[in-house]
């Protein structure tokens, strides 16, 4: 089976598609003479889902001699969630069937290809923190009748001096809470209320998702994969009897093209259902920001619970389509839960909740950023850390659509050569290497060998729909 000529088409230039391309070229049976692999990405630009004043190439923040340089011919790769995710890796992720394999593969890939420098791979801590946000400068608490009361910051000024604050006092506060001393970039005196370690670097790591995705694409291309961006697939064509994949039709600059295909891997993330309507993958928009800190901050992934006090800028409602007016002050307390990931390139990534206010657009290039939702995150993380607030610099405001409902990995229905690899939720970066390896085995060996598909098997879809 493995020596049979194959025309393999991968639909989607996110991390799942790029890892699939990479592992296909590393399979023992792969031969560039008999196996032709093409990766089609719908978008021809990676700038979608970022404001125009955002940094467009994160490699410029790292060592230019070693970081994954942007290939102009690959513009469009990692244009969606794969370029705007947090990049957390964990042995405690889900689903359990593929997580251990993928976590191990991440470590192996980093060692083989200098991932530490090329895509920011490192081990880190994961922790939960409970905080009370400080009011932004100039904000006031709100009385019942709408009258302003004395700013909370008028009493907090001495305890919040940014880079010049009393470090020993901060350390004592951290120790009192049982928090590690190197978490000194949080305000332990006024904001931090409780700390709990979730896991250690033994079981937790991180990558820069855009640099990782770009690296996988380049490494796959180096071994013979043809990458075509601006190629939006419109139809997966089957043989006359409907039993096998025959080709795919795609639009390239307004021209319809047909690509002969024996094996088609649909790795289109939240766009998967437009090609495979029977696969239950949905989409949810998520906003995030990237903040350059005034000094390198320690390697923590923080899952927060932040109490916003009265007078704090009110978060954007979940169903609001777009907010352009100033945030009104809260009249009561509210809990928010942004996630914060410190990165080795001198930045911190922070993301907020998902929303469904805007439908999934045609491609990643058309993703709309609601800057008010990004401002929510900036206010909230700045309320617990000067490094992330008044002393930091916002480098990017961005949005993407997360695929929900899976992951689904494997053969679709009874169509020979049709495979899905999509719906990976917030753990797409974590589980991409395992997905790519398993898909390569399904194509070349006829079945997944490195892990049991279990809950990821598309054969379960019929049961989900009650068929």
Protein backbone atom coordinates (compact mmCIF):
# COMPACT_ATOMS: atom_id res chain seq x y z
CA UNK A 1 0.00 0.00 0.00
CA UNK A 2 2.74 2.45 0.96
CA UNK A 3 4.52 2.25 -2.43
CA UNK A 4 1.35 3.04 -4.39
CA UNK A 5 1.51 6.45 -6.11
CA UNK A 6 -0.52 9.03 -4.23
CA UNK A 7 -1.67 12.58 -4.86
CA UNK A 8 -2.25 13.91 -1.36
CA UNK A 9 -4.04 17.22 -0.89
CA UNK A 10 -4.14 18.95 2.49
CA UNK A 11 -6.79 21.64 2.86
CA UNK A 12 -5.76 24.25 5.43
CA UNK A 13 -2.52 26.05 6.26
CA UNK A 14 -2.95 26.15 10.02
CA UNK A 15 -0.96 24.09 12.49
CA UNK A 16 -2.93 20.88 11.85
CA UNK A 17 -2.41 21.05 8.09
CA UNK A 18 1.25 22.01 8.40
CA UNK A 19 2.01 19.26 10.93
CA UNK A 20 0.23 16.78 8.68
CA UNK A 21 2.42 17.87 5.77
CA UNK A 22 5.53 17.58 7.94
CA UNK A 23 4.80 14.07 9.25
CA UNK A 24 3.77 12.77 5.83
CA UNK A 25 7.25 13.67 4.60
CA UNK A 26 8.83 11.95 7.62
CA UNK A 27 6.91 8.70 7.26
CA UNK A 28 9.24 5.77 6.36
CA UNK A 29 7.17 5.03 3.25
CA UNK A 30 7.21 8.56 1.88
CA UNK A 31 8.87 9.01 -1.50
CA UNK A 32 8.79 12.39 -3.27
CA UNK A 33 8.95 10.53 -6.57
CA UNK A 34 5.69 8.63 -6.04
CA UNK A 35 3.91 10.68 -3.39
CA UNK A 36 2.93 14.19 -4.40
CA UNK A 37 1.74 16.37 -1.52
CA UNK A 38 0.03 19.73 -1.98
CA UNK A 39 -1.10 22.01 0.84
CA UNK A 40 -3.82 24.50 -0.12
CA UNK A 41 -4.44 27.54 2.09
CA UNK A 42 -7.44 29.74 1.29
CA UNK A 43 -5.90 33.02 2.36
CA UNK A 44 -2.99 34.81 0.71
CA UNK A 45 -2.36 37.06 3.71
CA UNK A 46 -1.59 36.43 7.36
CA UNK A 47 -2.58 39.97 8.33
CA UNK A 48 -6.27 39.22 8.81
CA UNK A 49 -7.47 39.31 12.40
CA UNK A 50 -4.88 41.90 13.47
CA UNK A 51 -5.21 45.65 13.67
CA UNK A 52 -3.13 47.59 11.17
CA UNK A 53 -0.85 48.95 13.89
CA UNK A 54 -0.08 45.48 15.28
CA UNK A 55 3.27 43.80 14.84
CA UNK A 56 2.98 41.55 11.78
CA UNK A 57 6.04 39.31 12.17
CA UNK A 58 6.79 37.98 15.68
CA UNK A 59 10.15 36.67 14.49
CA UNK A 60 11.44 40.24 14.69
CA UNK A 61 11.16 40.02 18.49
CA UNK A 62 13.39 36.96 18.71
CA UNK A 63 16.94 36.35 17.54
CA UNK A 64 16.78 37.07 13.78
CA UNK A 65 19.58 34.60 13.16
CA UNK A 66 17.66 31.64 14.53
CA UNK A 67 13.94 32.45 14.60
CA UNK A 68 11.64 31.15 11.88
CA UNK A 69 11.90 33.77 9.18
CA UNK A 70 8.77 34.67 7.27
CA UNK A 71 8.69 33.18 3.80
CA UNK A 72 6.86 35.68 1.54
CA UNK A 73 5.57 32.79 -0.55
CA UNK A 74 3.89 31.40 2.57
CA UNK A 75 1.85 34.52 3.37
CA UNK A 76 -1.49 33.12 4.54
CA UNK A 77 0.05 30.27 6.53
CA UNK A 78 -0.90 30.53 10.24
CA UNK A 79 -3.31 33.34 9.39
CA UNK A 80 -6.00 32.11 11.76
CA UNK A 81 -5.96 30.66 15.27
CA UNK A 82 -2.60 29.00 14.61
CA UNK A 83 -1.00 32.42 14.50
CA UNK A 84 -2.96 34.00 17.33
CA UNK A 85 -3.23 31.27 19.95
CA UNK A 86 -1.40 31.12 23.27
CA UNK A 87 0.77 28.11 22.46
CA UNK A 88 0.35 26.23 25.75
CA UNK A 89 1.40 22.56 25.82
CA UNK A 90 0.42 20.27 28.65
CA UNK A 91 0.23 16.60 29.57
CA UNK A 92 -3.01 17.46 31.38
CA UNK A 93 -4.70 18.65 28.17
CA UNK A 94 -7.39 16.66 26.37
CA UNK A 95 -8.27 14.32 24.74
CA UNK A 96 -6.24 11.82 26.70
CA UNK A 97 -5.85 9.44 23.74
CA UNK A 98 -3.45 11.71 21.86
CA UNK A 99 -2.07 14.19 24.42
CA UNK A 100 0.91 12.10 25.67
CA UNK A 101 2.05 11.34 22.13
CA UNK A 102 1.78 14.97 21.06
CA UNK A 103 3.55 16.35 24.13
CA UNK A 104 6.45 13.95 23.51
CA UNK A 105 6.58 14.84 19.81
CA UNK A 106 6.77 18.55 20.66
CA UNK A 107 9.86 17.86 22.74
CA UNK A 108 11.42 15.74 20.00
CA UNK A 109 10.70 18.33 17.31
CA UNK A 110 12.27 21.08 19.42
CA UNK A 111 15.43 19.04 19.96
CA UNK A 112 15.72 18.07 16.29
CA UNK A 113 15.07 21.50 14.80
CA UNK A 114 16.32 23.93 17.48
CA UNK A 115 12.79 24.78 18.54
CA UNK A 116 14.03 26.73 21.56
CA UNK A 117 15.32 29.47 19.28
CA UNK A 118 13.28 28.81 16.16
CA UNK A 119 9.79 28.84 17.69
CA UNK A 120 10.21 29.67 21.37
CA UNK A 121 9.83 26.18 22.82
CA UNK A 122 10.43 26.05 26.56
CA UNK A 123 9.12 24.34 29.67
CA UNK A 124 7.04 26.49 32.03
CA UNK A 125 4.82 26.51 35.10
CA UNK A 126 1.03 26.63 35.04
CA UNK A 127 -0.81 28.28 37.91
CA UNK A 128 -4.19 29.58 38.98
CA UNK A 129 -4.48 32.99 40.61
CA UNK A 130 -7.31 34.93 42.22
CA UNK A 131 -6.95 38.69 42.05
CA UNK A 132 -8.71 41.96 42.69
CA UNK A 133 -7.99 44.43 39.92
CA UNK A 134 -6.77 47.89 40.76
CA UNK A 135 -8.70 50.71 39.12
CA UNK A 136 -7.01 52.26 36.08
CA UNK A 137 -5.50 55.67 36.68
CA UNK A 138 -8.22 58.30 36.83
CA UNK A 139 -11.05 55.79 37.29
CA UNK A 140 -13.49 56.25 40.14
CA UNK A 141 -15.86 54.06 42.06
CA UNK A 142 -19.54 54.56 41.32
CA UNK A 143 -22.09 55.39 43.95
CA UNK A 144 -25.67 54.22 43.64
CA UNK A 145 -26.84 57.60 42.43
CA UNK A 146 -24.09 57.86 39.88
CA UNK A 147 -21.96 60.15 42.02
CA UNK A 148 -18.23 59.69 41.89
CA UNK A 149 -16.45 58.75 45.07
CA UNK A 150 -12.77 59.06 45.89
CA UNK A 151 -10.50 57.10 43.49
CA UNK A 152 -9.30 53.82 44.97
CA UNK A 153 -5.85 54.59 43.56
CA UNK A 154 -5.59 57.59 45.86
CA UNK A 155 -4.99 55.12 48.71
CA UNK A 156 -3.06 52.59 46.58
CA UNK A 157 -0.48 54.87 45.05
CA UNK A 158 2.38 53.99 47.39
CA UNK A 159 1.95 50.27 46.85
CA UNK A 160 2.07 50.51 43.06
CA UNK A 161 5.24 52.11 41.77
CA UNK A 162 5.93 49.97 38.72
CA UNK A 163 9.59 49.15 38.21
CA UNK A 164 10.59 51.16 41.27
CA UNK A 165 8.28 49.49 43.76
CA UNK A 166 9.69 48.00 46.97
CA UNK A 167 10.80 44.58 45.72
CA UNK A 168 11.31 43.12 49.19
CA UNK A 169 7.78 44.04 50.17
CA UNK A 170 6.51 42.29 47.05
CA UNK A 171 8.50 39.18 47.83
CA UNK A 172 7.10 39.05 51.35
CA UNK A 173 3.58 39.31 50.01
CA UNK A 174 4.24 36.51 47.54
CA UNK A 175 5.66 34.30 50.29
CA UNK A 176 2.65 34.96 52.49
CA UNK A 177 0.38 33.73 49.70
CA UNK A 178 2.57 30.72 49.00
CA UNK A 179 3.41 32.12 45.57
CA UNK A 180 6.90 31.74 44.04
CA UNK A 181 9.28 34.67 44.31
CA UNK A 182 9.87 34.89 40.56
CA UNK A 183 6.21 35.77 40.02
CA UNK A 184 7.17 39.28 41.03
CA UNK A 185 5.63 40.81 37.91
CA UNK A 186 2.21 40.55 39.55
CA UNK A 187 1.12 43.06 42.18
CA UNK A 188 1.20 40.84 45.27
CA UNK A 189 0.50 43.74 47.64
CA UNK A 190 -2.80 44.96 46.24
CA UNK A 191 -4.03 42.65 43.48
CA UNK A 192 -3.00 39.04 44.15
CA UNK A 193 -5.34 37.30 46.57
CA UNK A 194 -4.64 33.58 46.15
CA UNK A 195 -2.18 31.37 44.30
CA UNK A 196 -2.30 27.69 43.40
CA UNK A 197 0.23 25.82 41.28
CA UNK A 198 -1.43 23.61 38.67
CA UNK A 199 1.66 21.91 37.27
CA UNK A 200 5.41 22.13 36.78
CA UNK A 201 7.74 22.21 33.76
CA UNK A 202 7.79 18.43 33.86
CA UNK A 203 4.31 18.40 32.36
CA UNK A 204 3.89 21.89 30.89
CA UNK A 205 5.56 23.76 28.04
CA UNK A 206 4.91 26.41 25.43
CA UNK A 207 5.69 27.46 21.87
CA UNK A 208 5.08 30.57 19.84
CA UNK A 209 2.26 29.18 17.67
CA UNK A 210 2.84 31.31 14.57
CA UNK A 211 6.57 30.61 14.50
CA UNK A 212 5.93 26.91 15.13
CA UNK A 213 3.37 26.70 12.32
CA UNK A 214 5.62 28.57 9.89
CA UNK A 215 8.50 26.26 10.79
CA UNK A 216 6.46 23.12 10.16
CA UNK A 217 5.38 24.50 6.79
CA UNK A 218 8.94 25.31 5.77
CA UNK A 219 10.31 21.97 6.95
CA UNK A 220 7.56 20.19 4.99
CA UNK A 221 8.27 22.22 1.87
CA UNK A 222 11.98 21.43 2.19
CA UNK A 223 11.05 17.75 1.82
CA UNK A 224 8.90 18.19 -1.25
CA UNK A 225 5.50 19.55 -0.21
CA UNK A 226 3.99 22.08 -2.60
CA UNK A 227 2.41 24.95 -0.64
CA UNK A 228 -0.15 27.11 -2.43
CA UNK A 229 -1.72 30.09 -0.64
CA UNK A 230 -4.72 32.07 -1.86
CA UNK A 231 -6.25 28.75 -2.94
CA UNK A 232 -9.75 28.40 -1.50
CA UNK A 233 -11.15 24.91 -1.96
CA UNK A 234 -14.80 24.92 -3.02
CA UNK A 235 -15.49 21.24 -3.74
CA UNK A 236 -14.10 17.81 -2.95
CA UNK A 237 -14.89 15.75 -6.04
CA UNK A 238 -15.58 12.02 -5.92
CA UNK A 239 -15.44 9.28 -8.52
CA UNK A 240 -18.56 8.49 -10.53
CA UNK A 241 -19.57 5.73 -8.12
CA UNK A 242 -19.02 8.07 -5.16
CA UNK A 243 -16.71 5.65 -3.40
CA UNK A 244 -13.39 7.51 -3.65
CA UNK A 245 -11.89 10.97 -3.78
CA UNK A 246 -10.93 11.97 -7.30
CA UNK A 247 -9.92 15.64 -7.13
CA UNK A 248 -10.49 18.97 -5.42
CA UNK A 249 -11.67 22.19 -7.02
CA UNK A 250 -10.26 25.44 -5.74
CA UNK A 251 -10.39 29.13 -6.56
CA UNK A 252 -7.10 30.93 -7.17
CA UNK A 253 -7.36 34.66 -7.95
CA UNK A 254 -10.79 34.20 -9.46
CA UNK A 255 -9.76 31.23 -11.59
CA UNK A 256 -11.15 27.75 -10.98
CA UNK A 257 -8.55 25.01 -10.81
CA UNK A 258 -8.86 21.25 -10.38
CA UNK A 259 -6.20 19.25 -8.57
CA UNK A 260 -6.13 15.43 -9.00
CA UNK A 261 -6.32 13.88 -5.53
CA UNK A 262 -6.26 10.34 -4.21
CA UNK A 263 -6.11 11.32 -0.54
CA UNK A 264 -7.71 14.50 0.78
CA UNK A 265 -7.08 15.73 4.32
CA UNK A 266 -9.53 18.40 5.45
CA UNK A 267 -7.69 20.39 8.12
CA UNK A 268 -9.65 23.61 7.70
CA UNK A 269 -10.30 24.28 11.38
CA UNK A 270 -13.58 26.16 11.89
CA UNK A 271 -14.11 26.25 8.11
CA UNK A 272 -14.21 22.43 7.92
CA UNK A 273 -17.98 22.18 7.88
CA UNK A 274 -18.19 24.19 4.66
CA UNK A 275 -16.59 21.24 2.93
CA UNK A 276 -17.76 18.44 5.23
CA UNK A 277 -21.17 19.52 6.58
CA UNK A 278 -21.60 16.18 8.34
CA UNK A 279 -18.62 16.83 10.63
CA UNK A 280 -19.78 18.74 13.77
CA UNK A 281 -17.16 21.49 13.95
CA UNK A 282 -18.31 24.94 14.99
CA UNK A 283 -16.55 28.28 15.43
CA UNK A 284 -16.17 30.81 18.24
CA UNK A 285 -14.29 34.09 17.97
CA UNK A 286 -11.60 34.88 20.53
CA UNK A 287 -9.62 38.08 21.08
CA UNK A 288 -6.09 38.42 22.42
CA UNK A 289 -3.29 40.93 22.87
CA UNK A 290 0.50 40.78 22.91
CA UNK A 291 2.28 43.07 25.36
CA UNK A 292 6.00 43.84 25.41
CA UNK A 293 7.09 43.89 29.03
CA UNK A 294 9.76 46.32 30.32
CA UNK A 295 11.85 43.39 31.49
CA UNK A 296 11.74 39.65 30.84
CA UNK A 297 9.12 37.98 33.03
CA UNK A 298 9.28 34.45 34.42
CA UNK A 299 7.87 31.43 32.57
CA UNK A 300 4.30 31.05 33.80
CA UNK A 301 0.98 30.29 32.18
CA UNK A 302 -1.59 31.91 34.44
CA UNK A 303 -5.27 31.03 34.59
CA UNK A 304 -6.78 34.00 36.34
CA UNK A 305 -9.93 34.89 38.17
CA UNK A 306 -9.99 38.67 38.50
CA UNK A 307 -12.61 40.56 40.47
CA UNK A 308 -13.27 43.90 38.82
CA UNK A 309 -14.37 46.46 41.44
CA UNK A 310 -17.10 49.07 40.98
CA UNK A 311 -15.82 51.85 38.76
CA UNK A 312 -13.67 49.53 36.63
CA UNK A 313 -14.28 49.76 32.84
CA UNK A 314 -17.20 47.48 32.04
CA UNK A 315 -16.31 44.47 29.82
CA UNK A 316 -17.88 44.33 26.36
CA UNK A 317 -21.12 42.27 26.37
CA UNK A 318 -20.70 38.80 24.84
CA UNK A 319 -23.32 39.39 22.14
CA UNK A 320 -22.28 42.96 21.23
CA UNK A 321 -21.35 43.06 17.55
CA UNK A 322 -18.99 45.99 17.84
CA UNK A 323 -18.24 48.56 20.51
CA UNK A 324 -16.68 51.88 19.61
CA UNK A 325 -17.76 53.99 22.57
CA UNK A 326 -15.92 54.33 25.85
CA UNK A 327 -16.38 51.57 28.39
CA UNK A 328 -18.84 52.58 31.09
CA UNK A 329 -17.72 52.07 34.70
CA UNK A 330 -19.10 49.03 36.50
CA UNK A 331 -21.73 49.75 39.14
CA UNK A 332 -20.98 46.47 40.89
CA UNK A 333 -18.24 43.86 41.01
CA UNK A 334 -17.67 41.41 38.14
CA UNK A 335 -15.41 38.37 37.73
CA UNK A 336 -13.38 37.90 34.52
CA UNK A 337 -10.91 35.16 33.63
CA UNK A 338 -8.28 36.18 31.09
CA UNK A 339 -5.36 33.82 30.54
CA UNK A 340 -1.79 35.13 30.55
CA UNK A 341 1.24 33.40 29.00
CA UNK A 342 4.70 34.89 29.49
CA UNK A 343 6.89 34.30 26.44
CA UNK A 344 10.68 34.06 26.07
CA UNK A 345 10.77 36.84 23.45
CA UNK A 346 10.13 39.54 26.05
CA UNK A 347 6.37 39.62 25.61
CA UNK A 348 3.28 38.31 27.34
CA UNK A 349 0.19 37.00 25.57
CA UNK A 350 -3.25 37.47 27.11
CA UNK A 351 -6.61 36.28 25.83
CA UNK A 352 -10.21 36.86 26.80
CA UNK A 353 -13.51 34.96 26.44
CA UNK A 354 -15.02 33.77 23.18
CA UNK A 355 -17.99 35.39 21.47
CA UNK A 356 -20.35 34.67 18.60
CA UNK A 357 -21.15 38.26 17.71
CA UNK A 358 -19.76 38.01 14.16
CA UNK A 359 -20.21 35.00 11.88
CA UNK A 360 -17.29 33.09 10.46
CA UNK A 361 -15.99 35.01 7.41
CA UNK A 362 -14.90 33.58 4.07
CA UNK A 363 -11.21 33.25 4.99
CA UNK A 364 -8.79 34.19 7.78
CA UNK A 365 -7.93 37.37 5.86
CA UNK A 366 -11.45 38.66 6.56
CA UNK A 367 -11.49 38.17 10.34
CA UNK A 368 -12.76 41.28 12.12
CA UNK A 369 -11.09 42.60 15.28
CA UNK A 370 -13.26 44.29 17.89
CA UNK A 371 -10.71 46.59 19.51
CA UNK A 372 -13.03 47.15 22.49
CA UNK A 373 -12.67 43.47 23.42
CA UNK A 374 -8.89 43.79 23.18
CA UNK A 375 -9.06 46.88 25.38
CA UNK A 376 -11.02 44.80 27.92
CA UNK A 377 -8.08 42.41 28.19
CA UNK A 378 -5.55 45.23 28.42
CA UNK A 379 -7.48 46.91 31.25
CA UNK A 380 -7.90 43.64 33.14
CA UNK A 381 -4.32 42.36 33.04
CA UNK A 382 -3.04 45.88 33.65
CA UNK A 383 -5.18 45.91 36.77
CA UNK A 384 -3.01 43.21 38.35
CA UNK A 385 0.42 43.95 36.86
CA UNK A 386 2.29 47.14 36.01
CA UNK A 387 4.50 45.15 33.64
CA UNK A 388 1.39 44.27 31.65
CA UNK A 389 -0.23 47.65 32.19
CA UNK A 390 1.23 51.13 32.47
CA UNK A 391 4.85 49.98 32.01
CA UNK A 392 4.14 47.62 29.11
CA UNK A 393 3.69 48.29 25.39
CA UNK A 394 0.81 46.74 23.46
CA UNK A 395 2.27 45.21 20.30
CA UNK A 396 -0.79 43.46 18.89
CA UNK A 397 -4.56 43.46 19.09
CA UNK A 398 -5.96 40.42 17.36
CA UNK A 399 -8.83 37.99 16.88
CA UNK A 400 -9.31 34.51 15.48
CA UNK A 401 -11.93 31.77 15.30
CA UNK A 402 -11.39 28.68 17.42
CA UNK A 403 -12.68 25.36 16.06
CA UNK A 404 -15.00 23.65 18.51
CA UNK A 405 -16.57 20.20 18.72
CA UNK A 406 -13.68 17.80 18.25
CA UNK A 407 -11.01 16.90 17.64
CA UNK A 408 -11.93 14.61 14.77
CA UNK A 409 -9.09 12.61 13.23
CA UNK A 410 -9.57 9.86 10.67
CA UNK A 411 -11.53 8.57 7.71
CA UNK A 412 -14.84 10.22 6.88
CA UNK A 413 -17.77 7.93 6.10
CA UNK A 414 -17.27 5.37 3.37
CA UNK A 415 -15.37 7.59 0.96
CA UNK A 416 -11.95 6.13 0.22
CA UNK A 417 -9.18 8.68 0.65
CA UNK A 418 -11.23 11.26 2.55
CA UNK A 419 -9.80 12.20 5.96
CA UNK A 420 -10.68 14.89 8.47
CA UNK A 421 -8.31 16.45 11.01
CA UNK A 422 -10.20 19.31 12.61
CA UNK A 423 -12.13 20.64 15.60
CA UNK A 424 -9.20 20.70 18.02
CA UNK A 425 -10.65 23.39 20.35
CA UNK A 426 -8.12 25.44 22.36
CA UNK A 427 -5.64 22.54 22.34
CA UNK A 428 -4.86 22.62 18.61
CA UNK A 429 -1.24 23.67 19.01
CA UNK A 430 -0.71 21.06 21.72
CA UNK A 431 -2.25 18.21 19.72
CA UNK A 432 -1.07 19.09 16.21
CA UNK A 433 2.05 16.88 16.09
CA UNK A 434 0.13 13.78 17.17
CA UNK A 435 -2.62 14.58 14.68
CA UNK A 436 -0.13 14.95 11.86
CA UNK A 437 1.63 11.72 12.73
CA UNK A 438 -1.62 9.75 13.02
CA UNK A 439 -2.91 11.08 9.69
CA UNK A 440 0.38 10.09 8.03
CA UNK A 441 -0.09 6.56 9.37
CA UNK A 442 -3.71 6.40 8.21
CA UNK A 443 -2.62 7.38 4.69
CA UNK A 444 0.51 5.24 4.39
CA UNK A 445 -0.30 2.31 6.73
CA UNK A 446 -4.07 2.22 6.47
CA UNK A 447 -4.59 2.85 10.19
CA UNK A 448 -3.38 4.89 13.15
CA UNK A 449 -0.61 3.05 14.95
CA UNK A 450 0.99 5.49 17.40
CA UNK A 451 -2.15 6.12 19.46
CA UNK A 452 -5.73 4.96 19.75
CA UNK A 453 -8.15 7.39 18.12
CA UNK A 454 -10.90 6.66 20.63
CA UNK A 455 -13.08 9.74 21.06
CA UNK A 456 -11.36 11.38 18.06
CA UNK A 457 -12.59 8.77 15.59
CA UNK A 458 -15.06 10.25 13.05
CA UNK A 459 -16.86 6.90 13.10
CA UNK A 460 -18.53 8.25 16.25
CA UNK A 461 -20.18 11.08 14.35
CA UNK A 462 -23.14 8.97 13.29
CA UNK A 463 -23.86 8.12 16.91
CA UNK A 464 -23.68 11.80 17.86
CA UNK A 465 -26.29 12.62 15.27
CA UNK A 466 -28.46 9.69 16.40
CA UNK A 467 -27.98 7.73 13.20
